[in-house]
């Protein structure tokens, strides 16, 4: 049997705790990839997400250090922090997988190399 990680030291567990709440990765996508920076924009882009849950997720993401909330006169915006940008690599893994296996028009037979980070972002914004 292989080595065991102590429960508290498991980096996968910590990452899932920080990023695994429903909507968190989609909010990260909206802020990081789609450059949606306002509460209403994020809400409109995610049918089924309620204002209450979005508010809670944004607060938790701030506490986790993934996003920064900026208040300017009557305008509140959200941007990724460097930590949030690091977390965006998790999204890239989902994006690469989705482009390869969950695009009905492409099928699963596409064997060319997966695109680079910038190509992925361009294709995703599409």
C-alpha atoms as a PDB file:
ATOM      1  CA  UNK A   1       0.000   0.000   0.000  1.00  0.00           C
ATOM      2  CA  UNK A   2       1.295   3.477  -0.927  1.00  0.00           C
ATOM      3  CA  UNK A   3       1.962   6.374   1.427  1.00  0.00           C
ATOM      4  CA  UNK A   4      -1.020   8.091   3.013  1.00  0.00           C
ATOM      5  CA  UNK A   5      -1.458  11.822   3.399  1.00  0.00           C
ATOM      6  CA  UNK A   6      -2.700  13.178   6.661  1.00  0.00           C
ATOM      7  CA  UNK A   7      -6.243  14.437   6.214  1.00  0.00           C
ATOM      8  CA  UNK A   8      -5.237  18.063   6.878  1.00  0.00           C
ATOM      9  CA  UNK A   9      -2.242  17.906   4.514  1.00  0.00           C
ATOM     10  CA  UNK A  10      -4.031  16.555   1.452  1.00  0.00           C
ATOM     11  CA  UNK A  11      -3.618  19.263  -1.219  1.00  0.00           C
ATOM     12  CA  UNK A  12      -6.418  17.798  -3.352  1.00  0.00           C
ATOM     13  CA  UNK A  13      -8.838  17.995  -0.432  1.00  0.00           C
ATOM     14  CA  UNK A  14      -7.853  21.630   0.215  1.00  0.00           C
ATOM     15  CA  UNK A  15      -8.310  22.523  -3.453  1.00  0.00           C
ATOM     16  CA  UNK A  16     -11.715  20.854  -3.626  1.00  0.00           C
ATOM     17  CA  UNK A  17     -12.756  22.688  -0.479  1.00  0.00           C
ATOM     18  CA  UNK A  18     -11.720  26.037  -1.985  1.00  0.00           C
ATOM     19  CA  UNK A  19     -13.052  25.466  -5.516  1.00  0.00           C
ATOM     20  CA  UNK A  20     -15.622  22.689  -5.274  1.00  0.00           C
ATOM     21  CA  UNK A  21     -18.733  24.588  -4.173  1.00  0.00           C
ATOM     22  CA  UNK A  22     -21.430  24.692  -6.811  1.00  0.00           C
ATOM     23  CA  UNK A  23     -21.023  27.737  -9.100  1.00  0.00           C
ATOM     24  CA  UNK A  24     -17.512  28.669  -7.885  1.00  0.00           C
ATOM     25  CA  UNK A  25     -15.685  27.472 -11.010  1.00  0.00           C
ATOM     26  CA  UNK A  26     -18.285  29.055 -13.286  1.00  0.00           C
ATOM     27  CA  UNK A  27     -17.935  32.375 -11.451  1.00  0.00           C
ATOM     28  CA  UNK A  28     -14.151  32.042 -11.764  1.00  0.00           C
ATOM     29  CA  UNK A  29     -14.651  31.404 -15.500  1.00  0.00           C
ATOM     30  CA  UNK A  30     -16.838  34.480 -15.857  1.00  0.00           C
ATOM     31  CA  UNK A  31     -14.414  36.793 -14.073  1.00  0.00           C
ATOM     32  CA  UNK A  32     -11.184  35.317 -15.437  1.00  0.00           C
ATOM     33  CA  UNK A  33     -11.978  34.191 -18.978  1.00  0.00           C
ATOM     34  CA  UNK A  34     -15.043  36.187 -19.994  1.00  0.00           C
ATOM     35  CA  UNK A  35     -13.994  39.353 -18.136  1.00  0.00           C
ATOM     36  CA  UNK A  36     -17.410  39.792 -16.541  1.00  0.00           C
ATOM     37  CA  UNK A  37     -16.720  41.966 -13.545  1.00  0.00           C
ATOM     38  CA  UNK A  38     -20.132  43.055 -12.248  1.00  0.00           C
ATOM     39  CA  UNK A  39     -22.569  41.127 -10.065  1.00  0.00           C
ATOM     40  CA  UNK A  40     -25.437  41.463 -12.557  1.00  0.00           C
ATOM     41  CA  UNK A  41     -23.310  40.300 -15.497  1.00  0.00           C
ATOM     42  CA  UNK A  42     -22.255  37.148 -13.650  1.00  0.00           C
ATOM     43  CA  UNK A  43     -25.833  36.500 -12.512  1.00  0.00           C
ATOM     44  CA  UNK A  44     -27.250  36.857 -16.052  1.00  0.00           C
ATOM     45  CA  UNK A  45     -24.585  34.557 -17.481  1.00  0.00           C
ATOM     46  CA  UNK A  46     -25.553  31.693 -15.142  1.00  0.00           C
ATOM     47  CA  UNK A  47     -29.225  30.720 -15.384  1.00  0.00           C
ATOM     48  CA  UNK A  48     -30.260  29.032 -12.147  1.00  0.00           C
ATOM     49  CA  UNK A  49     -27.795  30.953  -9.994  1.00  0.00           C
ATOM     50  CA  UNK A  50     -29.664  33.071  -7.458  1.00  0.00           C
ATOM     51  CA  UNK A  51     -28.507  36.481  -6.177  1.00  0.00           C
ATOM     52  CA  UNK A  52     -28.233  35.073  -2.653  1.00  0.00           C
ATOM     53  CA  UNK A  53     -25.981  32.176  -3.706  1.00  0.00           C
ATOM     54  CA  UNK A  54     -23.876  34.435  -5.961  1.00  0.00           C
ATOM     55  CA  UNK A  55     -23.382  36.864  -3.102  1.00  0.00           C
ATOM     56  CA  UNK A  56     -22.305  34.023  -0.799  1.00  0.00           C
ATOM     57  CA  UNK A  57     -19.941  32.537  -3.387  1.00  0.00           C
ATOM     58  CA  UNK A  58     -18.323  35.903  -4.114  1.00  0.00           C
ATOM     59  CA  UNK A  59     -17.798  36.471  -0.371  1.00  0.00           C
ATOM     60  CA  UNK A  60     -16.249  33.014   0.046  1.00  0.00           C
ATOM     61  CA  UNK A  61     -14.049  33.505  -3.012  1.00  0.00           C
ATOM     62  CA  UNK A  62     -12.835  36.789  -1.512  1.00  0.00           C
ATOM     63  CA  UNK A  63     -12.059  35.092   1.819  1.00  0.00           C
ATOM     64  CA  UNK A  64     -10.178  32.376  -0.068  1.00  0.00           C
ATOM     65  CA  UNK A  65      -8.159  35.089  -1.834  1.00  0.00           C
ATOM     66  CA  UNK A  66      -9.354  34.152  -5.334  1.00  0.00           C
ATOM     67  CA  UNK A  67     -10.975  37.459  -6.216  1.00  0.00           C
ATOM     68  CA  UNK A  68     -10.733  41.085  -5.222  1.00  0.00           C
ATOM     69  CA  UNK A  69     -13.793  43.286  -4.780  1.00  0.00           C
ATOM     70  CA  UNK A  70     -13.356  46.934  -5.724  1.00  0.00           C
ATOM     71  CA  UNK A  71     -15.803  49.697  -4.861  1.00  0.00           C
ATOM     72  CA  UNK A  72     -15.659  52.865  -6.982  1.00  0.00           C
ATOM     73  CA  UNK A  73     -18.424  55.424  -6.365  1.00  0.00           C
ATOM     74  CA  UNK A  74     -21.563  53.491  -7.393  1.00  0.00           C
ATOM     75  CA  UNK A  75     -19.752  50.629  -9.109  1.00  0.00           C
ATOM     76  CA  UNK A  76     -18.600  47.347  -7.526  1.00  0.00           C
ATOM     77  CA  UNK A  77     -16.359  45.113  -9.614  1.00  0.00           C
ATOM     78  CA  UNK A  78     -14.582  41.795  -9.184  1.00  0.00           C
ATOM     79  CA  UNK A  79     -11.221  40.708 -10.600  1.00  0.00           C
ATOM     80  CA  UNK A  80      -9.054  37.648 -10.128  1.00  0.00           C
ATOM     81  CA  UNK A  81      -6.134  37.893  -7.736  1.00  0.00           C
ATOM     82  CA  UNK A  82      -2.867  36.121  -8.569  1.00  0.00           C
ATOM     83  CA  UNK A  83      -4.203  33.206  -6.511  1.00  0.00           C
ATOM     84  CA  UNK A  84      -7.394  33.251  -8.591  1.00  0.00           C
ATOM     85  CA  UNK A  85      -5.317  33.230 -11.762  1.00  0.00           C
ATOM     86  CA  UNK A  86      -3.542  30.125 -10.465  1.00  0.00           C
ATOM     87  CA  UNK A  87      -6.929  28.533  -9.800  1.00  0.00           C
ATOM     88  CA  UNK A  88      -7.909  29.285 -13.401  1.00  0.00           C
ATOM     89  CA  UNK A  89      -5.570  26.471 -14.456  1.00  0.00           C
ATOM     90  CA  UNK A  90      -8.114  24.082 -12.950  1.00  0.00           C
ATOM     91  CA  UNK A  91     -10.632  25.598 -15.354  1.00  0.00           C
ATOM     92  CA  UNK A  92      -8.237  25.063 -18.232  1.00  0.00           C
ATOM     93  CA  UNK A  93      -8.222  21.353 -17.466  1.00  0.00           C
ATOM     94  CA  UNK A  94     -12.036  21.355 -17.582  1.00  0.00           C
ATOM     95  CA  UNK A  95     -11.955  23.432 -20.763  1.00  0.00           C
ATOM     96  CA  UNK A  96      -9.489  21.119 -22.495  1.00  0.00           C
ATOM     97  CA  UNK A  97     -11.554  18.094 -21.500  1.00  0.00           C
ATOM     98  CA  UNK A  98     -14.790  19.771 -22.599  1.00  0.00           C
ATOM     99  CA  UNK A  99     -13.349  20.808 -25.963  1.00  0.00           C
ATOM    100  CA  UNK A 100     -12.147  17.283 -26.582  1.00  0.00           C
ATOM    101  CA  UNK A 101     -15.135  15.271 -25.362  1.00  0.00           C
ATOM    102  CA  UNK A 102     -18.188  17.492 -24.994  1.00  0.00           C
ATOM    103  CA  UNK A 103     -18.432  19.359 -28.242  1.00  0.00           C
ATOM    104  CA  UNK A 104     -21.049  17.458 -30.254  1.00  0.00           C
ATOM    105  CA  UNK A 105     -19.876  18.861 -33.583  1.00  0.00           C
ATOM    106  CA  UNK A 106     -16.322  17.606 -33.047  1.00  0.00           C
ATOM    107  CA  UNK A 107     -16.964  14.158 -31.600  1.00  0.00           C
ATOM    108  CA  UNK A 108     -14.307  12.214 -29.720  1.00  0.00           C
ATOM    109  CA  UNK A 109     -12.231  11.243 -32.749  1.00  0.00           C
ATOM    110  CA  UNK A 110     -10.305  14.518 -32.844  1.00  0.00           C
ATOM    111  CA  UNK A 111      -6.709  13.472 -32.231  1.00  0.00           C
ATOM    112  CA  UNK A 112      -4.745  16.640 -32.929  1.00  0.00           C
ATOM    113  CA  UNK A 113      -2.814  18.089 -29.968  1.00  0.00           C
ATOM    114  CA  UNK A 114      -4.828  20.075 -27.471  1.00  0.00           C
ATOM    115  CA  UNK A 115      -4.625  23.858 -27.924  1.00  0.00           C
ATOM    116  CA  UNK A 116      -2.392  26.201 -25.939  1.00  0.00           C
ATOM    117  CA  UNK A 117      -3.695  28.375 -23.110  1.00  0.00           C
ATOM    118  CA  UNK A 118      -4.271  31.395 -25.381  1.00  0.00           C
ATOM    119  CA  UNK A 119      -5.859  29.266 -28.106  1.00  0.00           C
ATOM    120  CA  UNK A 120      -8.196  27.758 -25.518  1.00  0.00           C
ATOM    121  CA  UNK A 121      -9.272  31.175 -24.293  1.00  0.00           C
ATOM    122  CA  UNK A 122      -9.845  32.413 -27.868  1.00  0.00           C
ATOM    123  CA  UNK A 123     -11.827  29.299 -28.781  1.00  0.00           C
ATOM    124  CA  UNK A 124     -13.847  29.496 -25.588  1.00  0.00           C
ATOM    125  CA  UNK A 125     -14.781  33.146 -26.138  1.00  0.00           C
ATOM    126  CA  UNK A 126     -15.547  32.070 -29.656  1.00  0.00           C
END
